[in-house]
Amino acid sequence: MTDNPVENNPDVEFVDEVQAETVEITQGGAGVVQATTVNVTQGGIQTAATETLTINQGGVLMLEATDASFEMSGVGLASADTVVLNSAAAAIAVADTVQAKNSTIGLLFAGTVEGDPDIKVDARRALIFGGALLATTIILKRIFGSR
């Protein structure tokens, strides 16, 4: 792994790709981050693959992690064993465990949900919608496909 060009360098505001054991981003961003531990304060990442991610007042577009924690932050797609949201938002969260306080989740697939998240669509609703859409498509094909 290479050294982290973002850490302790005030001249660097955005880095295309970072590979390191630990990545610290403060008021900056990165395109792709691969690391064991990632901490972001007032910054963002496009794509991250890590064991542990902590974001405070920032965001990540796509994430694959073991443990992810968001404080006043956002995530587009999070795939993790554990996702913790505190006054945060996730468009799509796929996790074994989600812990949320004052947070919103667009589409949630989770084994265990703790706290009070505002879930727009959970796995059950998504399956019902998908089943109804499939049934409607089959019926419409039978009706209009035979002509």
C-alpha atoms as a PDB file:
ATOM      1  CA  MET A   1       0.000   0.000   0.000  1.00  0.00           C
ATOM      2  CA  THR A   2       1.129   3.529  -0.649  1.00  0.00           C
ATOM      3  CA  ASP A   3       1.369   6.453   1.724  1.00  0.00           C
ATOM      4  CA  ASN A   4      -1.730   8.571   2.223  1.00  0.00           C
ATOM      5  CA  PRO A   5      -1.278  11.788   0.166  1.00  0.00           C
ATOM      6  CA  VAL A   6      -4.277  13.471   1.841  1.00  0.00           C
ATOM      7  CA  GLU A   7      -3.220  13.131   5.472  1.00  0.00           C
ATOM      8  CA  ASN A   8      -1.480  16.169   6.966  1.00  0.00           C
ATOM      9  CA  ASN A   9      -1.197  17.962   3.638  1.00  0.00           C
ATOM     10  CA  PRO A  10      -3.230  21.201   3.526  1.00  0.00           C
ATOM     11  CA  ASP A  11      -2.381  21.715  -0.159  1.00  0.00           C
ATOM     12  CA  VAL A  12      -4.269  18.592  -1.259  1.00  0.00           C
ATOM     13  CA  GLU A  13      -8.046  19.083  -1.583  1.00  0.00           C
ATOM     14  CA  PHE A  14      -9.001  16.101  -3.778  1.00  0.00           C
ATOM     15  CA  VAL A  15      -7.197  12.872  -4.624  1.00  0.00           C
ATOM     16  CA  ASP A  16      -8.333  10.468  -7.343  1.00  0.00           C
ATOM     17  CA  GLU A  17      -7.252   7.249  -5.611  1.00  0.00           C
ATOM     18  CA  VAL A  18      -5.932   6.388  -2.161  1.00  0.00           C
ATOM     19  CA  GLN A  19      -4.673   3.033  -0.859  1.00  0.00           C
ATOM     20  CA  ALA A  20      -3.454   2.942   2.732  1.00  0.00           C
ATOM     21  CA  GLU A  21      -3.917   1.319   6.109  1.00  0.00           C
ATOM     22  CA  THR A  22      -5.473   4.505   7.543  1.00  0.00           C
ATOM     23  CA  VAL A  23      -6.964   7.395   5.594  1.00  0.00           C
ATOM     24  CA  GLU A  24      -7.855  10.713   7.252  1.00  0.00           C
ATOM     25  CA  ILE A  25      -9.699  13.279   5.125  1.00  0.00           C
ATOM     26  CA  THR A  26     -10.526  16.716   6.529  1.00  0.00           C
ATOM     27  CA  GLN A  27     -12.240  19.289   4.303  1.00  0.00           C
ATOM     28  CA  GLY A  28     -11.288  17.406   1.178  1.00  0.00           C
ATOM     29  CA  GLY A  29     -12.242  14.455  -0.927  1.00  0.00           C
ATOM     30  CA  ALA A  30     -11.173  11.354  -2.755  1.00  0.00           C
ATOM     31  CA  GLY A  31     -12.430   9.394  -5.713  1.00  0.00           C
ATOM     32  CA  VAL A  32     -11.603   5.818  -4.698  1.00  0.00           C
ATOM     33  CA  VAL A  33     -10.419   4.841  -1.224  1.00  0.00           C
ATOM     34  CA  GLN A  34      -9.188   1.388  -0.223  1.00  0.00           C
ATOM     35  CA  ALA A  35      -8.063   1.209   3.382  1.00  0.00           C
ATOM     36  CA  THR A  36      -8.467  -0.597   6.658  1.00  0.00           C
ATOM     37  CA  THR A  37      -9.681   2.507   8.492  1.00  0.00           C
ATOM     38  CA  VAL A  38     -11.184   5.657   6.952  1.00  0.00           C
ATOM     39  CA  ASN A  39     -12.116   8.842   8.854  1.00  0.00           C
ATOM     40  CA  VAL A  40     -13.726  11.778   7.047  1.00  0.00           C
ATOM     41  CA  THR A  41     -14.563  15.167   8.564  1.00  0.00           C
ATOM     42  CA  GLN A  42     -16.311  17.677   6.319  1.00  0.00           C
ATOM     43  CA  GLY A  43     -15.353  15.855   3.162  1.00  0.00           C
ATOM     44  CA  GLY A  44     -16.438  13.198   0.763  1.00  0.00           C
ATOM     45  CA  ILE A  45     -15.560  10.025  -1.066  1.00  0.00           C
ATOM     46  CA  GLN A  46     -16.991   8.672  -4.289  1.00  0.00           C
ATOM     47  CA  THR A  47     -16.252   4.968  -3.631  1.00  0.00           C
ATOM     48  CA  ALA A  48     -14.821   3.370  -0.491  1.00  0.00           C
ATOM     49  CA  ALA A  49     -13.863  -0.180   0.435  1.00  0.00           C
ATOM     50  CA  THR A  50     -12.812  -0.439   4.065  1.00  0.00           C
ATOM     51  CA  GLU A  51     -13.215  -2.312   7.311  1.00  0.00           C
ATOM     52  CA  THR A  52     -14.107   0.737   9.403  1.00  0.00           C
ATOM     53  CA  LEU A  53     -15.511   4.015   8.091  1.00  0.00           C
ATOM     54  CA  THR A  54     -16.437   7.078  10.148  1.00  0.00           C
ATOM     55  CA  ILE A  55     -17.871  10.176   8.478  1.00  0.00           C
ATOM     56  CA  ASN A  56     -18.723  13.401  10.304  1.00  0.00           C
ATOM     57  CA  GLN A  57     -20.432  16.113   8.220  1.00  0.00           C
ATOM     58  CA  GLY A  58     -19.565  14.545   4.914  1.00  0.00           C
ATOM     59  CA  GLY A  59     -20.626  11.831   2.566  1.00  0.00           C
ATOM     60  CA  VAL A  60     -19.808   8.821   0.468  1.00  0.00           C
ATOM     61  CA  LEU A  61     -21.502   7.761  -2.751  1.00  0.00           C
ATOM     62  CA  MET A  62     -20.823   3.992  -2.641  1.00  0.00           C
ATOM     63  CA  LEU A  63     -19.481   2.090   0.337  1.00  0.00           C
ATOM     64  CA  GLU A  64     -18.476  -1.468   1.139  1.00  0.00           C
ATOM     65  CA  ALA A  65     -17.402  -1.853   4.768  1.00  0.00           C
ATOM     66  CA  THR A  66     -17.536  -4.004   7.850  1.00  0.00           C
ATOM     67  CA  ASP A  67     -18.551  -1.125  10.146  1.00  0.00           C
ATOM     68  CA  ALA A  68     -19.777   2.281   8.966  1.00  0.00           C
ATOM     69  CA  SER A  69     -20.741   5.260  11.105  1.00  0.00           C
ATOM     70  CA  PHE A  70     -22.315   8.500   9.854  1.00  0.00           C
ATOM     71  CA  GLU A  71     -22.780  11.649  11.949  1.00  0.00           C
ATOM     72  CA  MET A  72     -24.713  14.461  10.230  1.00  0.00           C
ATOM     73  CA  SER A  73     -23.686  12.867   6.939  1.00  0.00           C
ATOM     74  CA  GLY A  74     -25.033  11.013   3.943  1.00  0.00           C
ATOM     75  CA  VAL A  75     -24.420   7.876   1.936  1.00  0.00           C
ATOM     76  CA  GLY A  76     -25.755   6.831  -1.452  1.00  0.00           C
ATOM     77  CA  LEU A  77     -25.316   3.050  -1.237  1.00  0.00           C
ATOM     78  CA  ALA A  78     -23.972   1.411   1.915  1.00  0.00           C
ATOM     79  CA  SER A  79     -23.198  -2.302   2.085  1.00  0.00           C
ATOM     80  CA  ALA A  80     -21.869  -3.193   5.529  1.00  0.00           C
ATOM     81  CA  ASP A  81     -22.220  -5.562   8.443  1.00  0.00           C
ATOM     82  CA  THR A  82     -23.139  -2.660  10.739  1.00  0.00           C
ATOM     83  CA  VAL A  83     -24.347   0.809   9.744  1.00  0.00           C
ATOM     84  CA  VAL A  84     -24.781   3.510  12.402  1.00  0.00           C
ATOM     85  CA  LEU A  85     -26.649   6.683  11.417  1.00  0.00           C
ATOM     86  CA  ASN A  86     -26.930   9.676  13.748  1.00  0.00           C
ATOM     87  CA  SER A  87     -28.784  12.626  12.192  1.00  0.00           C
ATOM     88  CA  ALA A  88     -27.787  11.179   8.844  1.00  0.00           C
ATOM     89  CA  ALA A  89     -29.318   9.872   5.628  1.00  0.00           C
ATOM     90  CA  ALA A  90     -28.825   6.814   3.430  1.00  0.00           C
ATOM     91  CA  ALA A  91     -30.395   6.352   0.010  1.00  0.00           C
ATOM     92  CA  ILE A  92     -29.875   2.561   0.083  1.00  0.00           C
ATOM     93  CA  ALA A  93     -28.582   0.574   3.053  1.00  0.00           C
ATOM     94  CA  VAL A  94     -27.832  -3.147   2.979  1.00  0.00           C
ATOM     95  CA  ALA A  95     -26.625  -4.355   6.369  1.00  0.00           C
ATOM     96  CA  ASP A  96     -26.884  -7.048   8.994  1.00  0.00           C
ATOM     97  CA  THR A  97     -27.534  -4.390  11.656  1.00  0.00           C
ATOM     98  CA  VAL A  98     -28.649  -0.778  11.300  1.00  0.00           C
ATOM     99  CA  GLN A  99     -28.632   1.566  14.284  1.00  0.00           C
ATOM    100  CA  ALA A 100     -30.282   4.895  13.601  1.00  0.00           C
ATOM    101  CA  LYS A 101     -31.220   8.026  15.512  1.00  0.00           C
ATOM    102  CA  ASN A 102     -32.968  10.969  13.808  1.00  0.00           C
ATOM    103  CA  SER A 103     -32.064   9.540  10.412  1.00  0.00           C
ATOM    104  CA  THR A 104     -33.721   8.743   7.094  1.00  0.00           C
ATOM    105  CA  ILE A 105     -33.204   5.676   4.919  1.00  0.00           C
ATOM    106  CA  GLY A 106     -34.652   5.486   1.411  1.00  0.00           C
ATOM    107  CA  LEU A 107     -34.462   1.727   0.790  1.00  0.00           C
ATOM    108  CA  LEU A 108     -33.443  -0.619   3.601  1.00  0.00           C
ATOM    109  CA  PHE A 109     -32.435  -4.269   3.562  1.00  0.00           C
ATOM    110  CA  ALA A 110     -31.375  -5.171   7.112  1.00  0.00           C
ATOM    111  CA  GLY A 111     -31.551  -8.107   9.473  1.00  0.00           C
ATOM    112  CA  THR A 112     -31.843  -5.977  12.609  1.00  0.00           C
ATOM    113  CA  VAL A 113     -32.948  -2.358  12.920  1.00  0.00           C
ATOM    114  CA  GLU A 114     -32.340  -0.469  16.161  1.00  0.00           C
ATOM    115  CA  GLY A 115     -33.474   3.058  16.940  1.00  0.00           C
ATOM    116  CA  ASP A 116     -35.996   5.234  15.141  1.00  0.00           C
ATOM    117  CA  PRO A 117     -35.093   5.534  11.442  1.00  0.00           C
ATOM    118  CA  ASP A 118     -37.540   7.046   8.986  1.00  0.00           C
ATOM    119  CA  ILE A 119     -37.590   4.194   6.471  1.00  0.00           C
ATOM    120  CA  LYS A 120     -39.190   5.042   3.137  1.00  0.00           C
ATOM    121  CA  VAL A 121     -39.116   1.490   1.676  1.00  0.00           C
ATOM    122  CA  ASP A 122     -38.089  -1.644   3.578  1.00  0.00           C
ATOM    123  CA  ALA A 123     -37.367  -5.107   2.168  1.00  0.00           C
ATOM    124  CA  ARG A 124     -40.964  -6.318   2.621  1.00  0.00           C
ATOM    125  CA  ARG A 125     -42.438  -3.349   0.758  1.00  0.00           C
ATOM    126  CA  ALA A 126     -39.839  -3.709  -2.001  1.00  0.00           C
ATOM    127  CA  LEU A 127     -40.751  -7.393  -2.461  1.00  0.00           C
ATOM    128  CA  ILE A 128     -44.465  -6.592  -2.554  1.00  0.00           C
ATOM    129  CA  PHE A 129     -43.897  -3.828  -5.105  1.00  0.00           C
ATOM    130  CA  GLY A 130     -41.612  -6.038  -7.197  1.00  0.00           C
ATOM    131  CA  GLY A 131     -44.123  -8.911  -7.115  1.00  0.00           C
ATOM    132  CA  ALA A 132     -46.987  -6.630  -8.097  1.00  0.00           C
ATOM    133  CA  LEU A 133     -44.908  -5.150 -10.925  1.00  0.00           C
ATOM    134  CA  LEU A 134     -43.980  -8.626 -12.181  1.00  0.00           C
ATOM    135  CA  ALA A 135     -47.606  -9.835 -12.043  1.00  0.00           C
ATOM    136  CA  THR A 136     -48.808  -6.720 -13.864  1.00  0.00           C
ATOM    137  CA  THR A 137     -46.157  -7.177 -16.558  1.00  0.00           C
ATOM    138  CA  ILE A 138     -47.127 -10.835 -17.087  1.00  0.00           C
ATOM    139  CA  ILE A 139     -50.840  -9.999 -17.277  1.00  0.00           C
ATOM    140  CA  LEU A 140     -50.267  -7.131 -19.728  1.00  0.00           C
ATOM    141  CA  LYS A 141     -48.056  -9.331 -21.940  1.00  0.00           C
ATOM    142  CA  ARG A 142     -50.780 -11.980 -22.061  1.00  0.00           C
ATOM    143  CA  ILE A 143     -53.475  -9.428 -22.892  1.00  0.00           C
ATOM    144  CA  PHE A 144     -51.595  -7.356 -25.443  1.00  0.00           C
ATOM    145  CA  GLY A 145     -48.986  -9.865 -26.583  1.00  0.00           C
ATOM    146  CA  SER A 146     -51.429 -12.255 -28.247  1.00  0.00           C
ATOM    147  CA  ARG A 147     -52.669  -9.730 -30.831  1.00  0.00           C
END
